[in-house]
Amino acid sequence: MHDCYADPQHFPPLGLSDHHTVTVEAKVRENSRQSPKFVLKRDNQKSRRAELGRYFATMDWRLLFSSASGCQDMLDILHNVVHTSPDILMPVKRVRDNTFDVPWMTLHLKSLILKRQKAFHEHDAESSSYKFYRNAVNRERKSSKASFYKIKVEHMKDENPNCGGRKLNAYVDPILTRATSPIASTLKNLRIVTTRNLQISSTRLSLNHLKNIAWNSR
């Protein structure tokens, strides 16, 4: 009870009552909302990768290697170009990671969903623009789910499911125990109080029964 409620407070009797007034208030619940999680990602869409390929294809490698005096210098130049080009065309960005997304959600699928919603609000559900992005979202969603199943789920058919269940229970049980500990302690205290009340009630009933027997025997 102390985990869920504050200490009881007693006040003077109310009106003509002979008993003090006791109030018990619940504790303020802590904010259990998780803090946002941010990750560093590159934009790896096909258009960005194609742009990076065109950048390498149009580069004058002879001009770059002309200042090199040996193989090591040429390797250093190539290493610098390959590592700095993605930072120019595909820079690393700080992206908020939504923990409530489905596992197969991708940035490309999110962008298609936003375009579909924008077409729905700006035009109509019967417009060609909305139908185009609706079909694109459905295709991308099916493709993402299929790739996620192939990479993460399909190999589990050859594994023993009992081992996975034991690992899951070993991870979940402590969490449930911590989460339900206030409720469990409250129910335990409630059972103790109820048992004591029943014992007192049964004792009172037996005493009243003995009094009636003694009265009738007079």
N, C-alpha and C. Protein backbone atom coordinates (compact mmCIF):
# COMPACT_ATOMS: atom_id res chain seq x y z
N MET A 1 0.82 -1.20 0.00
CA MET A 1 0.00 0.00 0.00
C MET A 1 0.86 1.26 0.00
N HIS A 2 2.02 1.21 0.68
CA HIS A 2 2.88 2.39 0.75
C HIS A 2 3.46 2.75 -0.61
N ASP A 3 3.53 1.77 -1.53
CA ASP A 3 4.05 2.07 -2.85
C ASP A 3 3.06 2.85 -3.70
N CYS A 4 1.77 2.70 -3.39
CA CYS A 4 0.73 3.33 -4.22
C CYS A 4 0.08 4.53 -3.54
N TYR A 5 0.10 4.57 -2.20
CA TYR A 5 -0.60 5.64 -1.48
C TYR A 5 0.35 6.34 -0.52
N ALA A 6 0.06 7.62 -0.27
CA ALA A 6 0.84 8.39 0.68
C ALA A 6 0.44 8.02 2.11
N ASP A 7 1.17 8.57 3.07
CA ASP A 7 0.87 8.28 4.47
C ASP A 7 -0.51 8.85 4.84
N PRO A 8 -1.29 8.11 5.62
CA PRO A 8 -2.63 8.60 6.00
C PRO A 8 -2.53 9.86 6.87
N GLN A 9 -3.51 10.72 6.72
CA GLN A 9 -3.61 11.94 7.51
C GLN A 9 -4.92 11.93 8.28
N HIS A 10 -4.86 12.26 9.57
CA HIS A 10 -6.07 12.25 10.38
C HIS A 10 -6.43 13.68 10.76
N PHE A 11 -7.74 13.94 10.81
CA PHE A 11 -8.29 15.26 11.09
C PHE A 11 -9.32 15.14 12.21
N PRO A 12 -9.76 16.25 12.78
CA PRO A 12 -10.76 16.19 13.85
C PRO A 12 -12.05 15.52 13.37
N PRO A 13 -12.87 15.08 14.30
CA PRO A 13 -14.14 14.43 13.91
C PRO A 13 -15.02 15.37 13.09
N LEU A 14 -15.80 14.77 12.23
CA LEU A 14 -16.71 15.52 11.36
C LEU A 14 -18.08 15.57 12.00
N GLY A 15 -18.54 16.76 12.27
CA GLY A 15 -19.87 16.93 12.86
C GLY A 15 -19.92 16.38 14.27
N LEU A 16 -20.92 15.54 14.54
CA LEU A 16 -21.10 14.94 15.86
C LEU A 16 -20.47 13.55 15.94
N SER A 17 -19.64 13.20 15.01
CA SER A 17 -19.03 11.88 15.00
C SER A 17 -18.01 11.74 16.12
N ASP A 18 -17.87 10.52 16.64
CA ASP A 18 -16.89 10.23 17.70
C ASP A 18 -15.54 9.82 17.14
N HIS A 19 -15.44 9.63 15.85
CA HIS A 19 -14.21 9.13 15.24
C HIS A 19 -13.53 10.24 14.45
N HIS A 20 -12.23 10.15 14.41
CA HIS A 20 -11.45 11.09 13.62
C HIS A 20 -11.64 10.80 12.13
N THR A 21 -11.45 11.83 11.34
CA THR A 21 -11.51 11.68 9.89
C THR A 21 -10.12 11.36 9.36
N VAL A 22 -10.01 10.29 8.59
CA VAL A 22 -8.74 9.84 8.04
C VAL A 22 -8.84 9.87 6.52
N THR A 23 -7.86 10.48 5.88
CA THR A 23 -7.81 10.53 4.42
C THR A 23 -6.53 9.88 3.94
N VAL A 24 -6.65 9.14 2.85
CA VAL A 24 -5.52 8.47 2.21
C VAL A 24 -5.54 8.87 0.75
N GLU A 25 -4.49 9.51 0.29
CA GLU A 25 -4.41 9.98 -1.09
C GLU A 25 -3.40 9.16 -1.88
N ALA A 26 -3.74 8.93 -3.13
CA ALA A 26 -2.83 8.19 -4.00
C ALA A 26 -1.63 9.06 -4.37
N LYS A 27 -0.50 8.41 -4.55
CA LYS A 27 0.71 9.13 -4.92
C LYS A 27 0.62 9.62 -6.36
N VAL A 28 1.34 10.68 -6.64
CA VAL A 28 1.36 11.21 -8.00
C VAL A 28 2.13 10.24 -8.89
N ARG A 29 1.48 9.86 -9.96
CA ARG A 29 2.09 8.89 -10.87
C ARG A 29 3.21 9.55 -11.67
N GLU A 30 4.35 8.88 -11.70
CA GLU A 30 5.48 9.41 -12.45
C GLU A 30 5.23 9.30 -13.94
N ASN A 31 5.79 10.23 -14.67
CA ASN A 31 5.66 10.23 -16.12
C ASN A 31 6.51 9.12 -16.70
N SER A 32 5.84 8.09 -17.22
CA SER A 32 6.55 6.93 -17.76
C SER A 32 6.81 7.03 -19.25
N ARG A 33 6.57 8.20 -19.81
CA ARG A 33 6.78 8.37 -21.26
C ARG A 33 8.27 8.33 -21.57
N GLN A 34 8.61 7.55 -22.55
CA GLN A 34 10.01 7.39 -22.91
C GLN A 34 10.52 8.64 -23.63
N SER A 35 11.75 8.96 -23.35
CA SER A 35 12.38 10.10 -24.02
C SER A 35 12.64 9.73 -25.48
N PRO A 36 12.54 10.71 -26.38
CA PRO A 36 12.75 10.40 -27.80
C PRO A 36 14.17 9.89 -28.06
N LYS A 37 14.27 8.99 -29.01
CA LYS A 37 15.54 8.40 -29.36
C LYS A 37 15.95 8.90 -30.74
N PHE A 38 17.19 9.32 -30.85
CA PHE A 38 17.71 9.84 -32.11
C PHE A 38 18.88 8.96 -32.58
N VAL A 39 18.92 8.74 -33.88
CA VAL A 39 19.98 7.95 -34.49
C VAL A 39 20.55 8.73 -35.67
N LEU A 40 21.77 8.37 -36.05
CA LEU A 40 22.43 9.00 -37.19
C LEU A 40 22.28 8.09 -38.41
N LYS A 41 21.72 8.63 -39.48
CA LYS A 41 21.46 7.84 -40.68
C LYS A 41 21.83 8.63 -41.92
N ARG A 42 22.12 7.87 -42.97
CA ARG A 42 22.31 8.45 -44.30
C ARG A 42 21.06 8.19 -45.15
N ASP A 43 20.86 9.04 -46.11
CA ASP A 43 19.76 8.86 -47.05
C ASP A 43 20.22 7.87 -48.13
N ASN A 44 19.86 6.59 -47.95
CA ASN A 44 20.33 5.54 -48.86
C ASN A 44 19.29 5.17 -49.92
N GLN A 45 18.48 6.12 -50.32
CA GLN A 45 17.51 5.84 -51.37
C GLN A 45 18.21 5.62 -52.71
N LYS A 46 17.48 5.01 -53.63
CA LYS A 46 18.06 4.68 -54.94
C LYS A 46 18.50 5.93 -55.68
N SER A 47 17.75 7.01 -55.55
CA SER A 47 18.11 8.23 -56.26
C SER A 47 19.43 8.80 -55.74
N ARG A 48 19.65 8.71 -54.42
CA ARG A 48 20.91 9.20 -53.86
C ARG A 48 22.09 8.32 -54.28
N ARG A 49 21.87 7.01 -54.29
CA ARG A 49 22.94 6.11 -54.71
C ARG A 49 23.28 6.31 -56.19
N ALA A 50 22.23 6.54 -56.99
CA ALA A 50 22.49 6.79 -58.42
C ALA A 50 23.24 8.10 -58.61
N GLU A 51 22.91 9.10 -57.80
CA GLU A 51 23.63 10.38 -57.89
C GLU A 51 25.10 10.22 -57.51
N LEU A 52 25.36 9.38 -56.51
CA LEU A 52 26.74 9.13 -56.11
C LEU A 52 27.50 8.39 -57.21
N GLY A 53 26.82 7.44 -57.88
CA GLY A 53 27.47 6.74 -58.99
C GLY A 53 27.79 7.66 -60.15
N ARG A 54 26.87 8.58 -60.46
CA ARG A 54 27.15 9.54 -61.54
C ARG A 54 28.29 10.48 -61.16
N TYR A 55 28.38 10.79 -59.88
CA TYR A 55 29.47 11.67 -59.42
C TYR A 55 30.84 10.99 -59.63
N PHE A 56 30.91 9.70 -59.32
CA PHE A 56 32.17 8.98 -59.53
C PHE A 56 32.46 8.79 -61.01
N ALA A 57 31.39 8.57 -61.82
CA ALA A 57 31.59 8.32 -63.24
C ALA A 57 32.09 9.55 -63.99
N THR A 58 31.66 10.72 -63.57
CA THR A 58 32.05 11.96 -64.27
C THR A 58 33.33 12.57 -63.71
N MET A 59 33.93 11.95 -62.73
CA MET A 59 35.14 12.50 -62.13
C MET A 59 36.35 12.23 -63.03
N ASP A 60 37.22 13.22 -63.14
CA ASP A 60 38.44 13.10 -63.94
C ASP A 60 39.53 12.49 -63.05
N TRP A 61 39.65 11.16 -63.11
CA TRP A 61 40.59 10.47 -62.24
C TRP A 61 42.04 10.74 -62.64
N ARG A 62 42.30 10.94 -63.94
CA ARG A 62 43.68 11.23 -64.38
C ARG A 62 44.17 12.54 -63.79
N LEU A 63 43.29 13.52 -63.74
CA LEU A 63 43.67 14.80 -63.17
C LEU A 63 43.94 14.67 -61.67
N LEU A 64 43.15 13.83 -60.99
CA LEU A 64 43.35 13.64 -59.56
C LEU A 64 44.67 12.92 -59.27
N PHE A 65 44.96 11.90 -60.09
CA PHE A 65 46.17 11.10 -59.85
C PHE A 65 47.43 11.73 -60.43
N SER A 66 47.28 12.85 -61.13
CA SER A 66 48.46 13.45 -61.77
C SER A 66 49.44 14.00 -60.75
N SER A 67 48.93 14.38 -59.60
CA SER A 67 49.83 14.94 -58.58
C SER A 67 50.45 13.87 -57.70
N ALA A 68 50.08 12.60 -57.90
CA ALA A 68 50.60 11.52 -57.06
C ALA A 68 51.99 11.13 -57.53
N SER A 69 52.86 10.87 -56.57
CA SER A 69 54.24 10.48 -56.89
C SER A 69 54.46 8.98 -56.79
N GLY A 70 53.48 8.25 -56.31
CA GLY A 70 53.64 6.81 -56.18
C GLY A 70 52.30 6.14 -55.91
N CYS A 71 52.37 4.83 -55.73
CA CYS A 71 51.14 4.06 -55.50
C CYS A 71 50.46 4.44 -54.17
N GLN A 72 51.26 4.73 -53.16
CA GLN A 72 50.69 5.07 -51.86
C GLN A 72 49.92 6.40 -51.94
N ASP A 73 50.47 7.35 -52.70
CA ASP A 73 49.78 8.63 -52.86
C ASP A 73 48.47 8.45 -53.63
N MET A 74 48.49 7.60 -54.67
CA MET A 74 47.26 7.33 -55.42
C MET A 74 46.22 6.66 -54.55
N LEU A 75 46.66 5.75 -53.67
CA LEU A 75 45.73 5.08 -52.74
C LEU A 75 45.13 6.07 -51.75
N ASP A 76 45.92 6.98 -51.26
CA ASP A 76 45.42 7.99 -50.32
C ASP A 76 44.40 8.91 -50.99
N ILE A 77 44.68 9.29 -52.24
CA ILE A 77 43.73 10.15 -52.97
C ILE A 77 42.41 9.42 -53.19
N LEU A 78 42.49 8.15 -53.62
CA LEU A 78 41.27 7.37 -53.83
C LEU A 78 40.49 7.19 -52.52
N HIS A 79 41.22 6.95 -51.46
CA HIS A 79 40.58 6.76 -50.14
C HIS A 79 39.86 8.03 -49.71
N ASN A 80 40.46 9.18 -49.90
CA ASN A 80 39.83 10.44 -49.50
C ASN A 80 38.60 10.74 -50.34
N VAL A 81 38.69 10.47 -51.64
CA VAL A 81 37.55 10.76 -52.52
C VAL A 81 36.36 9.86 -52.17
N VAL A 82 36.64 8.57 -51.98
CA VAL A 82 35.56 7.63 -51.69
C VAL A 82 34.88 7.93 -50.35
N HIS A 83 35.64 8.39 -49.38
CA HIS A 83 35.07 8.63 -48.05
C HIS A 83 34.45 10.02 -47.91
N THR A 84 34.91 10.99 -48.67
CA THR A 84 34.34 12.34 -48.57
C THR A 84 33.13 12.56 -49.49
N SER A 85 33.05 11.80 -50.58
CA SER A 85 31.93 11.99 -51.50
C SER A 85 30.57 11.68 -50.86
N PRO A 86 30.41 10.57 -50.11
CA PRO A 86 29.11 10.35 -49.46
C PRO A 86 28.74 11.44 -48.46
N ASP A 87 29.75 12.04 -47.81
CA ASP A 87 29.45 13.12 -46.87
C ASP A 87 28.94 14.37 -47.58
N ILE A 88 29.28 14.52 -48.85
CA ILE A 88 28.82 15.68 -49.62
C ILE A 88 27.43 15.43 -50.19
N LEU A 89 27.23 14.26 -50.80
CA LEU A 89 25.96 13.96 -51.47
C LEU A 89 24.95 13.27 -50.55
N MET A 90 25.43 12.50 -49.60
CA MET A 90 24.55 11.75 -48.70
C MET A 90 25.00 12.00 -47.25
N PRO A 91 24.86 13.21 -46.76
CA PRO A 91 25.37 13.53 -45.42
C PRO A 91 24.61 12.77 -44.33
N VAL A 92 25.29 12.52 -43.23
CA VAL A 92 24.69 11.86 -42.07
C VAL A 92 23.79 12.87 -41.36
N LYS A 93 22.56 12.46 -41.10
CA LYS A 93 21.59 13.34 -40.45
C LYS A 93 21.11 12.70 -39.14
N ARG A 94 20.78 13.55 -38.22
CA ARG A 94 20.23 13.11 -36.93
C ARG A 94 18.72 12.95 -37.09
N VAL A 95 18.26 11.71 -37.02
CA VAL A 95 16.86 11.38 -37.29
C VAL A 95 16.22 10.85 -36.02
N ARG A 96 15.02 11.29 -35.77
CA ARG A 96 14.28 10.79 -34.61
C ARG A 96 13.74 9.39 -34.92
N ASP A 97 14.02 8.46 -34.04
CA ASP A 97 13.60 7.08 -34.21
C ASP A 97 12.33 6.85 -33.40
N ASN A 98 11.25 6.58 -34.11
CA ASN A 98 9.97 6.33 -33.45
C ASN A 98 9.93 4.88 -32.98
N THR A 99 9.87 4.68 -31.66
CA THR A 99 9.88 3.33 -31.11
C THR A 99 8.57 2.59 -31.32
N PHE A 100 7.53 3.31 -31.76
CA PHE A 100 6.23 2.67 -31.95
C PHE A 100 6.03 2.21 -33.40
N ASP A 101 7.02 2.42 -34.25
CA ASP A 101 6.89 1.97 -35.63
C ASP A 101 6.98 0.45 -35.71
N VAL A 102 6.36 -0.09 -36.74
CA VAL A 102 6.46 -1.52 -36.99
C VAL A 102 7.90 -1.84 -37.42
N PRO A 103 8.35 -3.06 -37.22
CA PRO A 103 9.76 -3.37 -37.52
C PRO A 103 10.15 -3.18 -38.98
N TRP A 104 9.19 -3.32 -39.90
CA TRP A 104 9.53 -3.23 -41.32
C TRP A 104 9.37 -1.81 -41.88
N MET A 105 9.15 -0.83 -41.03
CA MET A 105 9.00 0.55 -41.50
C MET A 105 10.35 1.10 -41.95
N THR A 106 10.35 1.76 -43.11
CA THR A 106 11.56 2.36 -43.66
C THR A 106 11.31 3.84 -43.95
N LEU A 107 12.40 4.57 -44.17
CA LEU A 107 12.26 5.99 -44.48
C LEU A 107 11.54 6.21 -45.81
N HIS A 108 11.81 5.33 -46.77
CA HIS A 108 11.15 5.47 -48.07
C HIS A 108 9.64 5.24 -47.94
N LEU A 109 9.25 4.26 -47.14
CA LEU A 109 7.82 4.00 -46.93
C LEU A 109 7.16 5.17 -46.20
N LYS A 110 7.86 5.76 -45.24
CA LYS A 110 7.31 6.92 -44.54
C LYS A 110 7.11 8.10 -45.48
N SER A 111 8.08 8.32 -46.37
CA SER A 111 7.93 9.43 -47.32
C SER A 111 6.76 9.20 -48.26
N LEU A 112 6.55 7.96 -48.68
CA LEU A 112 5.39 7.67 -49.55
C LEU A 112 4.08 7.87 -48.80
N ILE A 113 4.05 7.51 -47.53
CA ILE A 113 2.83 7.70 -46.74
C ILE A 113 2.51 9.19 -46.61
N LEU A 114 3.54 10.00 -46.38
CA LEU A 114 3.32 11.45 -46.28
C LEU A 114 2.81 12.02 -47.60
N LYS A 115 3.38 11.56 -48.71
CA LYS A 115 2.90 12.04 -50.02
C LYS A 115 1.48 11.59 -50.28
N ARG A 116 1.13 10.37 -49.86
CA ARG A 116 -0.24 9.91 -50.03
C ARG A 116 -1.22 10.76 -49.22
N GLN A 117 -0.87 11.06 -47.98
CA GLN A 117 -1.74 11.87 -47.14
C GLN A 117 -1.86 13.30 -47.67
N LYS A 118 -0.76 13.83 -48.20
CA LYS A 118 -0.80 15.17 -48.77
C LYS A 118 -1.70 15.20 -50.00
N ALA A 119 -1.61 14.18 -50.84
CA ALA A 119 -2.49 14.11 -52.03
C ALA A 119 -3.95 13.95 -51.63
N PHE A 120 -4.20 13.26 -50.55
CA PHE A 120 -5.59 13.08 -50.08
C PHE A 120 -6.18 14.40 -49.59
N HIS A 121 -5.38 15.19 -48.87
CA HIS A 121 -5.90 16.45 -48.32
C HIS A 121 -6.00 17.53 -49.39
N GLU A 122 -5.05 17.55 -50.32
CA GLU A 122 -5.07 18.60 -51.34
C GLU A 122 -6.04 18.30 -52.46
N HIS A 123 -6.25 17.04 -52.77
CA HIS A 123 -7.14 16.69 -53.88
C HIS A 123 -8.35 15.92 -53.35
N ASP A 124 -8.46 14.68 -53.68
CA ASP A 124 -9.62 13.90 -53.25
C ASP A 124 -9.23 12.42 -53.29
N ALA A 125 -10.06 11.58 -52.66
CA ALA A 125 -9.80 10.15 -52.66
C ALA A 125 -9.94 9.54 -54.04
N GLU A 126 -10.64 10.23 -54.95
CA GLU A 126 -10.83 9.72 -56.31
C GLU A 126 -9.84 10.30 -57.29
N SER A 127 -8.92 11.13 -56.82
CA SER A 127 -7.96 11.76 -57.72
C SER A 127 -6.90 10.75 -58.14
N SER A 128 -6.31 11.00 -59.28
CA SER A 128 -5.27 10.10 -59.79
C SER A 128 -4.00 10.19 -58.96
N SER A 129 -3.71 11.37 -58.41
CA SER A 129 -2.51 11.54 -57.59
C SER A 129 -2.60 10.70 -56.31
N TYR A 130 -3.77 10.73 -55.67
CA TYR A 130 -3.93 9.95 -54.45
C TYR A 130 -3.87 8.46 -54.76
N LYS A 131 -4.49 8.01 -55.82
CA LYS A 131 -4.48 6.59 -56.16
C LYS A 131 -3.07 6.12 -56.51
N PHE A 132 -2.28 7.00 -57.14
CA PHE A 132 -0.91 6.63 -57.49
C PHE A 132 -0.09 6.36 -56.23
N TYR A 133 -0.13 7.30 -55.27
CA TYR A 133 0.65 7.13 -54.04
C TYR A 133 0.06 6.05 -53.14
N ARG A 134 -1.25 5.84 -53.21
CA ARG A 134 -1.85 4.75 -52.44
C ARG A 134 -1.33 3.40 -52.92
N ASN A 135 -1.28 3.21 -54.22
CA ASN A 135 -0.75 1.96 -54.76
C ASN A 135 0.75 1.82 -54.48
N ALA A 136 1.47 2.95 -54.52
CA ALA A 136 2.90 2.91 -54.22
C ALA A 136 3.15 2.52 -52.77
N VAL A 137 2.33 3.04 -51.86
CA VAL A 137 2.46 2.68 -50.45
C VAL A 137 2.19 1.20 -50.24
N ASN A 138 1.15 0.69 -50.88
CA ASN A 138 0.82 -0.73 -50.72
C ASN A 138 1.92 -1.64 -51.26
N ARG A 139 2.49 -1.28 -52.40
CA ARG A 139 3.57 -2.09 -52.96
C ARG A 139 4.81 -2.05 -52.06
N GLU A 140 5.17 -0.86 -51.60
CA GLU A 140 6.36 -0.73 -50.76
C GLU A 140 6.15 -1.42 -49.42
N ARG A 141 4.95 -1.34 -48.88
CA ARG A 141 4.67 -2.00 -47.60
C ARG A 141 4.80 -3.52 -47.73
N LYS A 142 4.24 -4.08 -48.79
CA LYS A 142 4.35 -5.53 -49.00
C LYS A 142 5.81 -5.94 -49.22
N SER A 143 6.54 -5.13 -49.95
CA SER A 143 7.95 -5.45 -50.20
C SER A 143 8.77 -5.38 -48.91
N SER A 144 8.51 -4.37 -48.07
CA SER A 144 9.24 -4.24 -46.81
C SER A 144 8.92 -5.38 -45.86
N LYS A 145 7.66 -5.76 -45.79
CA LYS A 145 7.28 -6.87 -44.92
C LYS A 145 7.90 -8.18 -45.39
N ALA A 146 7.95 -8.38 -46.72
CA ALA A 146 8.53 -9.61 -47.25
C ALA A 146 10.03 -9.67 -46.96
N SER A 147 10.73 -8.56 -47.13
CA SER A 147 12.17 -8.56 -46.85
C SER A 147 12.45 -8.72 -45.36
N PHE A 148 11.62 -8.13 -44.52
CA PHE A 148 11.79 -8.29 -43.07
C PHE A 148 11.56 -9.74 -42.66
N TYR A 149 10.54 -10.37 -43.25
CA TYR A 149 10.27 -11.77 -42.93
C TYR A 149 11.42 -12.67 -43.39
N LYS A 150 11.97 -12.37 -44.54
CA LYS A 150 13.05 -13.21 -45.07
C LYS A 150 14.32 -13.08 -44.23
N ILE A 151 14.59 -11.88 -43.73
CA ILE A 151 15.84 -11.65 -42.99
C ILE A 151 15.71 -12.02 -41.52
N LYS A 152 14.58 -11.70 -40.89
CA LYS A 152 14.45 -11.81 -39.44
C LYS A 152 13.63 -13.01 -38.97
N VAL A 153 12.71 -13.51 -39.79
CA VAL A 153 11.75 -14.50 -39.29
C VAL A 153 11.92 -15.86 -39.93
N GLU A 154 12.25 -15.90 -41.21
CA GLU A 154 12.23 -17.17 -41.94
C GLU A 154 13.19 -18.20 -41.35
N HIS A 155 14.36 -17.75 -40.88
CA HIS A 155 15.34 -18.70 -40.34
C HIS A 155 14.90 -19.29 -39.01
N MET A 156 13.89 -18.72 -38.38
CA MET A 156 13.43 -19.24 -37.08
C MET A 156 12.68 -20.56 -37.21
N LYS A 157 12.28 -20.94 -38.43
CA LYS A 157 11.58 -22.22 -38.60
C LYS A 157 12.47 -23.40 -38.26
N ASP A 158 13.77 -23.25 -38.44
CA ASP A 158 14.71 -24.34 -38.17
C ASP A 158 15.20 -24.35 -36.73
N GLU A 159 14.77 -23.38 -35.93
CA GLU A 159 15.21 -23.32 -34.54
C GLU A 159 14.17 -23.93 -33.62
N ASN A 160 14.61 -24.27 -32.42
CA ASN A 160 13.71 -24.83 -31.43
C ASN A 160 12.90 -23.71 -30.80
N PRO A 161 11.56 -23.72 -30.91
CA PRO A 161 10.77 -22.61 -30.36
C PRO A 161 10.82 -22.54 -28.84
N ASN A 162 11.11 -23.66 -28.18
CA ASN A 162 11.15 -23.63 -26.72
C ASN A 162 12.29 -22.75 -26.21
N CYS A 163 13.41 -22.77 -26.93
CA CYS A 163 14.54 -21.94 -26.51
C CYS A 163 14.19 -20.46 -26.61
N GLY A 164 13.52 -20.10 -27.70
CA GLY A 164 13.11 -18.71 -27.83
C GLY A 164 12.09 -18.31 -26.78
N GLY A 165 11.20 -19.24 -26.44
CA GLY A 165 10.22 -18.94 -25.40
C GLY A 165 10.86 -18.76 -24.05
N ARG A 166 11.87 -19.59 -23.75
CA ARG A 166 12.57 -19.43 -22.46
C ARG A 166 13.29 -18.09 -22.39
N LYS A 167 13.94 -17.72 -23.49
CA LYS A 167 14.64 -16.44 -23.49
C LYS A 167 13.66 -15.29 -23.32
N LEU A 168 12.50 -15.38 -24.00
CA LEU A 168 11.51 -14.33 -23.89
C LEU A 168 10.95 -14.24 -22.48
N ASN A 169 10.67 -15.38 -21.86
CA ASN A 169 10.14 -15.38 -20.50
C ASN A 169 11.17 -14.87 -19.51
N ALA A 170 12.43 -15.23 -19.73
CA ALA A 170 13.48 -14.75 -18.83
C ALA A 170 13.64 -13.24 -18.91
N TYR A 171 13.31 -12.67 -20.08
CA TYR A 171 13.42 -11.22 -20.22
C TYR A 171 12.17 -10.51 -19.73
N VAL A 172 10.98 -11.11 -19.95
CA VAL A 172 9.72 -10.44 -19.65
C VAL A 172 9.34 -10.58 -18.18
N ASP A 173 9.60 -11.73 -17.56
CA ASP A 173 9.15 -11.97 -16.19
C ASP A 173 9.65 -10.91 -15.20
N PRO A 174 10.95 -10.55 -15.21
CA PRO A 174 11.37 -9.50 -14.28
C PRO A 174 10.68 -8.17 -14.52
N ILE A 175 10.38 -7.85 -15.80
CA ILE A 175 9.70 -6.60 -16.10
C ILE A 175 8.29 -6.61 -15.54
N LEU A 176 7.57 -7.74 -15.75
CA LEU A 176 6.22 -7.84 -15.22
C LEU A 176 6.22 -7.83 -13.71
N THR A 177 7.23 -8.44 -13.10
CA THR A 177 7.30 -8.46 -11.64
C THR A 177 7.47 -7.05 -11.10
N ARG A 178 8.37 -6.27 -11.76
CA ARG A 178 8.56 -4.90 -11.30
C ARG A 178 7.34 -4.05 -11.56
N ALA A 179 6.68 -4.29 -12.71
CA ALA A 179 5.53 -3.46 -13.06
C ALA A 179 4.33 -3.75 -12.17
N THR A 180 4.16 -5.01 -11.75
CA THR A 180 2.97 -5.39 -10.99
C THR A 180 3.24 -5.51 -9.51
N SER A 181 4.45 -5.15 -9.06
CA SER A 181 4.75 -5.30 -7.64
C SER A 181 3.84 -4.45 -6.76
N PRO A 182 3.49 -3.18 -7.09
CA PRO A 182 2.56 -2.46 -6.24
C PRO A 182 1.19 -3.10 -6.18
N ILE A 183 0.72 -3.62 -7.34
CA ILE A 183 -0.59 -4.26 -7.36
C ILE A 183 -0.57 -5.55 -6.57
N ALA A 184 0.54 -6.31 -6.73
CA ALA A 184 0.62 -7.57 -5.99
C ALA A 184 0.65 -7.33 -4.49
N SER A 185 1.44 -6.32 -4.05
CA SER A 185 1.49 -6.03 -2.61
C SER A 185 0.14 -5.54 -2.10
N THR A 186 -0.59 -4.75 -2.92
CA THR A 186 -1.90 -4.28 -2.50
C THR A 186 -2.88 -5.43 -2.35
N LEU A 187 -2.87 -6.35 -3.33
CA LEU A 187 -3.76 -7.51 -3.24
C LEU A 187 -3.41 -8.39 -2.06
N LYS A 188 -2.11 -8.52 -1.78
CA LYS A 188 -1.69 -9.32 -0.64
C LYS A 188 -2.21 -8.71 0.66
N ASN A 189 -2.05 -7.39 0.81
CA ASN A 189 -2.55 -6.72 2.01
C ASN A 189 -4.07 -6.83 2.10
N LEU A 190 -4.74 -6.75 0.95
CA LEU A 190 -6.19 -6.86 0.95
C LEU A 190 -6.64 -8.25 1.38
N ARG A 191 -5.91 -9.28 0.95
CA ARG A 191 -6.26 -10.64 1.37
C ARG A 191 -6.06 -10.81 2.87
N ILE A 192 -4.98 -10.19 3.41
CA ILE A 192 -4.73 -10.31 4.85
C ILE A 192 -5.84 -9.64 5.64
N VAL A 193 -6.22 -8.42 5.20
CA VAL A 193 -7.29 -7.70 5.90
C VAL A 193 -8.60 -8.45 5.81
N THR A 194 -8.91 -9.00 4.64
CA THR A 194 -10.16 -9.74 4.47
C THR A 194 -10.18 -10.98 5.35
N THR A 195 -9.05 -11.69 5.41
CA THR A 195 -8.98 -12.88 6.25
C THR A 195 -9.18 -12.55 7.72
N ARG A 196 -8.58 -11.46 8.18
CA ARG A 196 -8.75 -11.06 9.57
C ARG A 196 -10.19 -10.66 9.87
N ASN A 197 -10.81 -9.95 8.92
CA ASN A 197 -12.20 -9.55 9.13
C ASN A 197 -13.11 -10.77 9.21
N LEU A 198 -12.85 -11.78 8.37
CA LEU A 198 -13.66 -12.99 8.40
C LEU A 198 -13.45 -13.74 9.72
N GLN A 199 -12.21 -13.76 10.21
CA GLN A 199 -11.96 -14.42 11.48
C GLN A 199 -12.69 -13.72 12.62
N ILE A 200 -12.66 -12.38 12.63
CA ILE A 200 -13.35 -11.63 13.68
C ILE A 200 -14.85 -11.85 13.59
N SER A 201 -15.38 -11.85 12.34
CA SER A 201 -16.82 -12.06 12.17
C SER A 201 -17.24 -13.44 12.65
N SER A 202 -16.43 -14.46 12.31
CA SER A 202 -16.79 -15.82 12.74
C SER A 202 -16.71 -15.94 14.25
N THR A 203 -15.74 -15.26 14.88
CA THR A 203 -15.63 -15.29 16.35
C THR A 203 -16.85 -14.64 16.99
N ARG A 204 -17.29 -13.51 16.43
CA ARG A 204 -18.47 -12.84 16.97
C ARG A 204 -19.72 -13.71 16.82
N LEU A 205 -19.84 -14.38 15.69
CA LEU A 205 -21.00 -15.25 15.48
C LEU A 205 -21.01 -16.41 16.46
N SER A 206 -19.85 -16.99 16.72
CA SER A 206 -19.79 -18.11 17.66
C SER A 206 -20.12 -17.65 19.07
N LEU A 207 -19.68 -16.46 19.48
CA LEU A 207 -20.01 -15.94 20.81
C LEU A 207 -21.49 -15.66 20.93
N ASN A 208 -22.10 -15.09 19.88
CA ASN A 208 -23.53 -14.85 19.93
C ASN A 208 -24.31 -16.16 20.00
N HIS A 209 -23.81 -17.19 19.29
CA HIS A 209 -24.48 -18.49 19.33
C HIS A 209 -24.40 -19.09 20.73
N LEU A 210 -23.28 -18.96 21.42
CA LEU A 210 -23.13 -19.48 22.78
C LEU A 210 -24.02 -18.72 23.76
N LYS A 211 -24.15 -17.42 23.53
CA LYS A 211 -25.03 -16.64 24.40
C LYS A 211 -26.48 -17.08 24.25
N ASN A 212 -26.89 -17.33 23.01
CA ASN A 212 -28.27 -17.78 22.80
C ASN A 212 -28.52 -19.13 23.44
N ILE A 213 -27.53 -20.04 23.34
CA ILE A 213 -27.70 -21.36 23.97
C ILE A 213 -27.80 -21.23 25.49
N ALA A 214 -26.94 -20.38 26.06
CA ALA A 214 -26.98 -20.19 27.53
C ALA A 214 -28.28 -19.54 27.95
N TRP A 215 -28.81 -18.62 27.17
CA TRP A 215 -30.09 -17.96 27.51
C TRP A 215 -31.25 -18.93 27.42
N ASN A 216 -31.26 -19.79 26.38
CA ASN A 216 -32.35 -20.75 26.24
C ASN A 216 -32.32 -21.86 27.27
N SER A 217 -31.15 -22.16 27.84
CA SER A 217 -31.06 -23.23 28.83
C SER A 217 -31.51 -22.79 30.22
N ARG A 218 -31.79 -21.49 30.40
CA ARG A 218 -32.23 -21.04 31.72
C ARG A 218 -33.69 -21.45 31.98
